[in-house]
């Protein structure tokens, strides 16, 4: 398992949490790409640091208001990839909730994150959740 790639992810979230753009540029490639599947307002491919950070800002806003809980199930890594499998569930006051399993595949080149890709266990449930909370 590539400990360096896991540390890069940890640093990304640390820098992101502090809005440390110099740090973020150390761990994200300028041409980073982030893919979120489905047919909902969060879906699509984001290109470049500003768009990827915008995705995280929007997702954080939604999940921050959803009383989200995360159970990390399995993490695996090699020299070029990290895959994380998680059980995520929300407890929103409006009753619009998601109880779901995700995988996130991170890809690395030259010590930087170049791509992130979400895989949904139930894409229909994800689409319904985001379509409702973002309407």
N, C-alpha and C. Protein backbone atom coordinates (compact mmCIF):
# COMPACT_ATOMS: atom_id res chain seq x y z
N UNK A 1 0.84 -1.18 0.00
CA UNK A 1 0.00 0.00 0.00
C UNK A 1 0.88 1.24 0.00
N UNK A 2 0.55 2.19 -0.83
CA UNK A 2 1.34 3.40 -0.93
C UNK A 2 0.92 4.41 0.14
N UNK A 3 1.71 4.46 1.18
CA UNK A 3 1.45 5.39 2.28
C UNK A 3 1.52 6.85 1.80
N UNK A 4 2.39 7.12 0.84
CA UNK A 4 2.54 8.49 0.33
C UNK A 4 1.24 9.00 -0.27
N UNK A 5 0.53 8.17 -1.02
CA UNK A 5 -0.73 8.61 -1.63
C UNK A 5 -1.80 8.86 -0.57
N UNK A 6 -1.84 8.02 0.44
CA UNK A 6 -2.78 8.24 1.54
C UNK A 6 -2.46 9.55 2.26
N UNK A 7 -1.20 9.82 2.45
CA UNK A 7 -0.78 11.07 3.10
C UNK A 7 -1.14 12.27 2.23
N UNK A 8 -1.05 12.14 0.92
CA UNK A 8 -1.42 13.23 0.02
C UNK A 8 -2.91 13.56 0.15
N UNK A 9 -3.76 12.55 0.27
CA UNK A 9 -5.19 12.78 0.46
C UNK A 9 -5.41 13.50 1.80
N UNK A 10 -4.75 13.02 2.83
CA UNK A 10 -4.87 13.66 4.15
C UNK A 10 -4.45 15.13 4.07
N UNK A 11 -3.35 15.40 3.40
CA UNK A 11 -2.88 16.79 3.25
C UNK A 11 -3.88 17.63 2.47
N UNK A 12 -4.46 17.05 1.41
CA UNK A 12 -5.45 17.78 0.65
C UNK A 12 -6.58 18.27 1.55
N UNK A 13 -7.15 17.37 2.36
CA UNK A 13 -8.26 17.77 3.22
C UNK A 13 -7.80 18.74 4.31
N UNK A 14 -6.59 18.58 4.78
CA UNK A 14 -6.05 19.53 5.76
C UNK A 14 -5.93 20.92 5.14
N UNK A 15 -5.32 21.01 3.97
CA UNK A 15 -5.17 22.30 3.29
C UNK A 15 -6.52 22.88 2.89
N UNK A 16 -7.41 22.05 2.39
CA UNK A 16 -8.73 22.50 1.99
C UNK A 16 -9.47 23.09 3.20
N UNK A 17 -9.40 22.42 4.33
CA UNK A 17 -10.06 22.90 5.54
C UNK A 17 -9.54 24.25 6.01
N UNK A 18 -8.31 24.56 5.69
CA UNK A 18 -7.69 25.84 6.09
C UNK A 18 -7.75 26.88 4.97
N UNK A 19 -8.32 26.50 3.81
CA UNK A 19 -8.32 27.36 2.62
C UNK A 19 -6.89 27.77 2.25
N UNK A 20 -5.97 26.84 2.39
CA UNK A 20 -4.54 27.08 2.11
C UNK A 20 -4.26 26.75 0.65
N UNK A 21 -4.38 27.76 -0.21
CA UNK A 21 -4.22 27.53 -1.65
C UNK A 21 -2.80 27.10 -2.01
N UNK A 22 -1.80 27.60 -1.32
CA UNK A 22 -0.42 27.18 -1.60
C UNK A 22 -0.28 25.69 -1.31
N UNK A 23 -0.84 25.24 -0.21
CA UNK A 23 -0.79 23.82 0.13
C UNK A 23 -1.59 22.98 -0.85
N UNK A 24 -2.78 23.44 -1.20
CA UNK A 24 -3.62 22.72 -2.15
C UNK A 24 -2.87 22.53 -3.47
N UNK A 25 -2.16 23.54 -3.93
CA UNK A 25 -1.42 23.44 -5.19
C UNK A 25 -0.24 22.48 -5.09
N UNK A 26 0.19 22.16 -3.88
CA UNK A 26 1.24 21.15 -3.70
C UNK A 26 0.71 19.74 -3.90
N UNK A 27 -0.60 19.53 -3.65
CA UNK A 27 -1.14 18.17 -3.69
C UNK A 27 -2.11 17.92 -4.84
N UNK A 28 -2.67 18.97 -5.44
CA UNK A 28 -3.55 18.82 -6.60
C UNK A 28 -2.81 19.27 -7.85
N UNK A 29 -2.89 18.46 -8.89
CA UNK A 29 -2.35 18.87 -10.19
C UNK A 29 -3.20 20.01 -10.74
N UNK A 30 -2.59 20.92 -11.48
CA UNK A 30 -3.32 22.04 -12.06
C UNK A 30 -4.47 21.57 -12.94
N UNK A 31 -4.28 20.45 -13.62
CA UNK A 31 -5.30 19.91 -14.53
C UNK A 31 -6.12 18.81 -13.88
N UNK A 32 -6.24 18.83 -12.55
CA UNK A 32 -7.00 17.81 -11.82
C UNK A 32 -8.41 17.70 -12.39
N UNK A 33 -8.93 16.48 -12.36
CA UNK A 33 -10.27 16.21 -12.88
C UNK A 33 -11.05 15.46 -11.81
N UNK A 34 -12.31 15.86 -11.58
CA UNK A 34 -13.14 15.19 -10.58
C UNK A 34 -14.46 14.81 -11.23
N UNK A 35 -14.84 13.53 -11.12
CA UNK A 35 -16.03 13.00 -11.79
C UNK A 35 -17.03 12.54 -10.74
N UNK A 36 -18.26 13.05 -10.85
CA UNK A 36 -19.35 12.65 -9.97
C UNK A 36 -20.48 12.17 -10.88
N UNK A 37 -20.90 10.90 -10.73
CA UNK A 37 -21.86 10.32 -11.68
C UNK A 37 -23.29 10.77 -11.44
N UNK A 38 -24.12 10.48 -12.40
CA UNK A 38 -25.55 10.62 -12.21
C UNK A 38 -26.20 11.69 -13.04
N UNK A 39 -27.46 11.90 -12.69
CA UNK A 39 -28.29 12.92 -13.32
C UNK A 39 -28.91 13.76 -12.21
N UNK A 40 -28.06 14.60 -11.67
CA UNK A 40 -28.46 15.48 -10.58
C UNK A 40 -27.57 16.72 -10.64
N UNK A 41 -27.88 17.76 -9.87
CA UNK A 41 -27.09 18.99 -9.96
C UNK A 41 -25.62 18.86 -9.60
N UNK A 42 -25.23 17.82 -8.89
CA UNK A 42 -23.83 17.62 -8.54
C UNK A 42 -23.07 16.84 -9.61
N UNK A 43 -23.77 16.22 -10.53
CA UNK A 43 -23.16 15.35 -11.54
C UNK A 43 -22.29 16.12 -12.51
N UNK A 44 -21.30 15.41 -13.03
CA UNK A 44 -20.49 15.99 -14.08
C UNK A 44 -19.01 15.83 -13.80
N UNK A 45 -18.23 16.38 -14.71
CA UNK A 45 -16.77 16.36 -14.60
C UNK A 45 -16.30 17.79 -14.38
N UNK A 46 -15.51 17.96 -13.32
CA UNK A 46 -14.91 19.25 -13.02
C UNK A 46 -13.46 19.20 -13.42
N UNK A 47 -12.99 20.25 -14.07
CA UNK A 47 -11.61 20.31 -14.57
C UNK A 47 -10.89 21.49 -13.93
N UNK A 48 -9.70 21.22 -13.38
CA UNK A 48 -8.88 22.27 -12.81
C UNK A 48 -9.20 22.52 -11.35
N UNK A 49 -8.25 23.11 -10.66
CA UNK A 49 -8.37 23.32 -9.22
C UNK A 49 -9.60 24.14 -8.84
N UNK A 50 -9.88 25.27 -9.49
CA UNK A 50 -11.05 26.06 -9.08
C UNK A 50 -12.37 25.28 -9.17
N UNK A 51 -12.57 24.53 -10.26
CA UNK A 51 -13.81 23.77 -10.41
C UNK A 51 -13.89 22.63 -9.39
N UNK A 52 -12.79 21.95 -9.15
CA UNK A 52 -12.78 20.84 -8.18
C UNK A 52 -13.06 21.39 -6.78
N UNK A 53 -12.45 22.49 -6.41
CA UNK A 53 -12.72 23.08 -5.10
C UNK A 53 -14.17 23.55 -5.01
N UNK A 54 -14.71 24.05 -6.09
CA UNK A 54 -16.13 24.43 -6.12
C UNK A 54 -17.03 23.24 -5.86
N UNK A 55 -16.67 22.09 -6.44
CA UNK A 55 -17.43 20.86 -6.18
C UNK A 55 -17.40 20.53 -4.70
N UNK A 56 -16.21 20.55 -4.10
CA UNK A 56 -16.08 20.23 -2.67
C UNK A 56 -16.84 21.25 -1.82
N UNK A 57 -16.83 22.51 -2.21
CA UNK A 57 -17.59 23.52 -1.46
C UNK A 57 -19.08 23.21 -1.49
N UNK A 58 -19.61 22.91 -2.67
CA UNK A 58 -21.05 22.60 -2.80
C UNK A 58 -21.40 21.33 -2.05
N UNK A 59 -20.57 20.29 -2.19
CA UNK A 59 -20.85 19.03 -1.50
C UNK A 59 -20.78 19.23 0.01
N UNK A 60 -19.78 19.99 0.45
CA UNK A 60 -19.65 20.25 1.89
C UNK A 60 -20.85 21.01 2.43
N UNK A 61 -21.38 21.94 1.67
CA UNK A 61 -22.56 22.68 2.09
C UNK A 61 -23.77 21.77 2.26
N UNK A 62 -23.94 20.88 1.30
CA UNK A 62 -25.07 19.95 1.37
C UNK A 62 -24.91 18.99 2.53
N UNK A 63 -23.75 18.36 2.61
CA UNK A 63 -23.53 17.36 3.66
C UNK A 63 -23.43 18.01 5.04
N UNK A 64 -22.92 19.24 5.09
CA UNK A 64 -22.85 19.95 6.36
C UNK A 64 -24.22 20.21 6.95
N UNK A 65 -25.23 20.37 6.10
CA UNK A 65 -26.60 20.58 6.55
C UNK A 65 -27.41 19.31 6.62
N UNK A 66 -26.77 18.18 6.48
CA UNK A 66 -27.48 16.90 6.41
C UNK A 66 -27.16 15.97 7.57
N UNK A 67 -26.42 16.45 8.55
CA UNK A 67 -26.02 15.62 9.70
C UNK A 67 -25.47 14.27 9.20
N UNK A 68 -24.49 14.36 8.32
CA UNK A 68 -23.93 13.17 7.66
C UNK A 68 -23.06 12.37 8.63
N UNK A 69 -23.15 11.07 8.49
CA UNK A 69 -22.28 10.13 9.21
C UNK A 69 -21.55 9.30 8.16
N UNK A 70 -20.28 9.00 8.44
CA UNK A 70 -19.46 8.25 7.49
C UNK A 70 -18.78 7.11 8.21
N UNK A 71 -18.92 5.91 7.66
CA UNK A 71 -18.20 4.74 8.15
C UNK A 71 -17.22 4.32 7.05
N UNK A 72 -15.93 4.43 7.33
CA UNK A 72 -14.93 3.98 6.36
C UNK A 72 -14.84 2.47 6.43
N UNK A 73 -15.06 1.82 5.30
CA UNK A 73 -15.11 0.36 5.26
C UNK A 73 -13.76 -0.24 4.88
N UNK A 74 -13.25 0.16 3.73
CA UNK A 74 -11.99 -0.40 3.22
C UNK A 74 -11.25 0.68 2.45
N UNK A 75 -9.95 0.73 2.62
CA UNK A 75 -9.09 1.60 1.82
C UNK A 75 -7.96 0.76 1.27
N UNK A 76 -7.70 0.89 -0.01
CA UNK A 76 -6.60 0.18 -0.64
C UNK A 76 -5.79 1.16 -1.47
N UNK A 77 -4.50 0.90 -1.60
CA UNK A 77 -3.65 1.83 -2.34
C UNK A 77 -2.51 1.10 -3.01
N UNK A 78 -2.06 1.69 -4.12
CA UNK A 78 -0.81 1.27 -4.75
C UNK A 78 -0.08 2.53 -5.19
N UNK A 79 0.88 2.42 -6.06
CA UNK A 79 1.68 3.58 -6.44
C UNK A 79 0.91 4.66 -7.20
N UNK A 80 -0.21 4.29 -7.83
CA UNK A 80 -0.93 5.24 -8.67
C UNK A 80 -2.37 5.49 -8.26
N UNK A 81 -2.92 4.67 -7.38
CA UNK A 81 -4.33 4.78 -7.02
C UNK A 81 -4.56 4.56 -5.53
N UNK A 82 -5.63 5.19 -5.04
CA UNK A 82 -6.21 4.87 -3.74
C UNK A 82 -7.69 4.68 -3.99
N UNK A 83 -8.27 3.64 -3.41
CA UNK A 83 -9.71 3.46 -3.45
C UNK A 83 -10.22 3.43 -2.02
N UNK A 84 -11.28 4.19 -1.80
CA UNK A 84 -11.92 4.24 -0.49
C UNK A 84 -13.36 3.76 -0.65
N UNK A 85 -13.78 2.89 0.23
CA UNK A 85 -15.15 2.42 0.25
C UNK A 85 -15.77 2.90 1.57
N UNK A 86 -16.93 3.55 1.47
CA UNK A 86 -17.56 4.14 2.64
C UNK A 86 -19.06 3.88 2.66
N UNK A 87 -19.59 3.78 3.87
CA UNK A 87 -21.03 3.78 4.09
C UNK A 87 -21.36 5.18 4.59
N UNK A 88 -22.27 5.86 3.90
CA UNK A 88 -22.62 7.24 4.23
C UNK A 88 -24.13 7.29 4.44
N UNK A 89 -24.55 7.96 5.52
CA UNK A 89 -25.96 8.17 5.72
C UNK A 89 -26.19 9.56 6.31
N UNK A 90 -27.36 10.11 6.00
CA UNK A 90 -27.70 11.45 6.45
C UNK A 90 -28.92 11.38 7.36
N UNK A 91 -29.11 12.45 8.12
CA UNK A 91 -30.27 12.58 9.01
C UNK A 91 -30.76 14.02 8.95
N UNK A 92 -31.39 14.35 7.84
CA UNK A 92 -31.86 15.70 7.60
C UNK A 92 -33.21 15.94 8.30
N UNK A 93 -33.40 17.17 8.74
CA UNK A 93 -34.66 17.54 9.39
C UNK A 93 -35.85 17.46 8.43
N UNK A 94 -35.62 17.68 7.13
CA UNK A 94 -36.72 17.63 6.17
C UNK A 94 -37.09 16.21 5.75
N UNK A 95 -36.36 15.22 6.26
CA UNK A 95 -36.66 13.82 5.97
C UNK A 95 -36.11 13.31 4.65
N UNK A 96 -35.47 14.15 3.87
CA UNK A 96 -34.85 13.74 2.61
C UNK A 96 -33.47 13.20 2.97
N UNK A 97 -33.31 11.89 2.91
CA UNK A 97 -32.07 11.28 3.39
C UNK A 97 -31.50 10.27 2.40
N UNK A 98 -30.25 9.98 2.62
CA UNK A 98 -29.51 9.03 1.81
C UNK A 98 -28.79 8.06 2.75
N UNK A 99 -28.94 6.78 2.50
CA UNK A 99 -28.22 5.73 3.22
C UNK A 99 -27.58 4.90 2.13
N UNK A 100 -26.26 5.04 1.98
CA UNK A 100 -25.65 4.66 0.72
C UNK A 100 -24.20 4.20 0.88
N UNK A 101 -23.73 3.42 -0.07
CA UNK A 101 -22.34 2.99 -0.14
C UNK A 101 -21.68 3.65 -1.35
N UNK A 102 -20.49 4.25 -1.11
CA UNK A 102 -19.70 4.92 -2.14
C UNK A 102 -18.35 4.26 -2.26
N UNK A 103 -17.78 4.36 -3.41
CA UNK A 103 -16.34 4.16 -3.59
C UNK A 103 -15.81 5.42 -4.27
N UNK A 104 -14.66 5.86 -3.83
CA UNK A 104 -13.98 6.98 -4.47
C UNK A 104 -12.61 6.48 -4.91
N UNK A 105 -12.33 6.62 -6.19
CA UNK A 105 -11.05 6.22 -6.76
C UNK A 105 -10.23 7.48 -7.01
N UNK A 106 -9.10 7.58 -6.33
CA UNK A 106 -8.17 8.70 -6.49
C UNK A 106 -7.02 8.23 -7.37
N UNK A 107 -6.60 9.06 -8.33
CA UNK A 107 -5.46 8.73 -9.18
C UNK A 107 -4.36 9.76 -8.97
N UNK A 108 -3.11 9.30 -8.98
CA UNK A 108 -1.95 10.14 -8.67
C UNK A 108 -0.91 10.07 -9.78
N UNK A 109 -0.26 11.19 -10.01
CA UNK A 109 0.92 11.28 -10.88
C UNK A 109 1.89 12.25 -10.24
N UNK A 110 3.14 11.87 -10.19
CA UNK A 110 4.20 12.74 -9.66
C UNK A 110 3.86 13.28 -8.27
N UNK A 111 3.25 12.44 -7.44
CA UNK A 111 2.95 12.82 -6.07
C UNK A 111 1.76 13.73 -5.88
N UNK A 112 1.01 13.98 -6.97
CA UNK A 112 -0.17 14.85 -6.89
C UNK A 112 -1.43 14.11 -7.30
N UNK A 113 -2.55 14.57 -6.78
CA UNK A 113 -3.86 14.04 -7.17
C UNK A 113 -4.18 14.59 -8.56
N UNK A 114 -4.45 13.70 -9.50
CA UNK A 114 -4.81 14.13 -10.85
C UNK A 114 -6.26 13.82 -11.20
N UNK A 115 -6.88 12.93 -10.41
CA UNK A 115 -8.27 12.59 -10.71
C UNK A 115 -8.93 11.96 -9.50
N UNK A 116 -10.21 12.27 -9.36
CA UNK A 116 -11.08 11.60 -8.40
C UNK A 116 -12.33 11.16 -9.11
N UNK A 117 -12.81 9.99 -8.77
CA UNK A 117 -13.99 9.45 -9.45
C UNK A 117 -14.85 8.71 -8.42
N UNK A 118 -16.11 9.12 -8.31
CA UNK A 118 -17.06 8.47 -7.40
C UNK A 118 -17.77 7.33 -8.13
N UNK A 119 -18.02 6.26 -7.39
CA UNK A 119 -18.82 5.14 -7.88
C UNK A 119 -19.94 4.92 -6.87
N UNK A 120 -21.17 4.93 -7.34
CA UNK A 120 -22.33 4.82 -6.47
C UNK A 120 -22.89 3.40 -6.48
N UNK A 121 -23.23 2.90 -5.30
CA UNK A 121 -23.86 1.58 -5.22
C UNK A 121 -25.29 1.63 -5.76
N UNK A 122 -25.98 2.75 -5.55
CA UNK A 122 -27.35 2.91 -6.04
C UNK A 122 -27.48 4.32 -6.62
N UNK A 123 -27.17 4.45 -7.89
CA UNK A 123 -27.17 5.76 -8.53
C UNK A 123 -28.55 6.42 -8.50
N UNK A 124 -29.61 5.62 -8.60
CA UNK A 124 -30.95 6.20 -8.56
C UNK A 124 -31.22 6.89 -7.22
N UNK A 125 -30.80 6.26 -6.12
CA UNK A 125 -30.99 6.86 -4.80
C UNK A 125 -30.17 8.15 -4.67
N UNK A 126 -28.95 8.15 -5.19
CA UNK A 126 -28.11 9.35 -5.14
C UNK A 126 -28.76 10.48 -5.95
N UNK A 127 -29.22 10.16 -7.15
CA UNK A 127 -29.88 11.17 -7.97
C UNK A 127 -31.11 11.74 -7.27
N UNK A 128 -31.93 10.88 -6.70
CA UNK A 128 -33.14 11.34 -6.00
C UNK A 128 -32.78 12.26 -4.84
N UNK A 129 -31.77 11.89 -4.06
CA UNK A 129 -31.36 12.70 -2.93
C UNK A 129 -30.91 14.10 -3.38
N UNK A 130 -29.95 14.16 -4.30
CA UNK A 130 -29.43 15.46 -4.71
C UNK A 130 -30.46 16.27 -5.48
N UNK A 131 -31.31 15.63 -6.27
CA UNK A 131 -32.35 16.37 -6.98
C UNK A 131 -33.33 17.01 -5.99
N UNK A 132 -33.61 16.32 -4.89
CA UNK A 132 -34.54 16.87 -3.90
C UNK A 132 -33.91 17.97 -3.05
N UNK A 133 -32.69 17.74 -2.58
CA UNK A 133 -32.08 18.72 -1.66
C UNK A 133 -31.58 19.96 -2.40
N UNK A 134 -31.42 19.87 -3.70
CA UNK A 134 -30.90 21.01 -4.45
C UNK A 134 -31.98 21.66 -5.34
N UNK A 135 -33.24 21.29 -5.11
CA UNK A 135 -34.31 21.88 -5.95
C UNK A 135 -34.76 23.22 -5.42
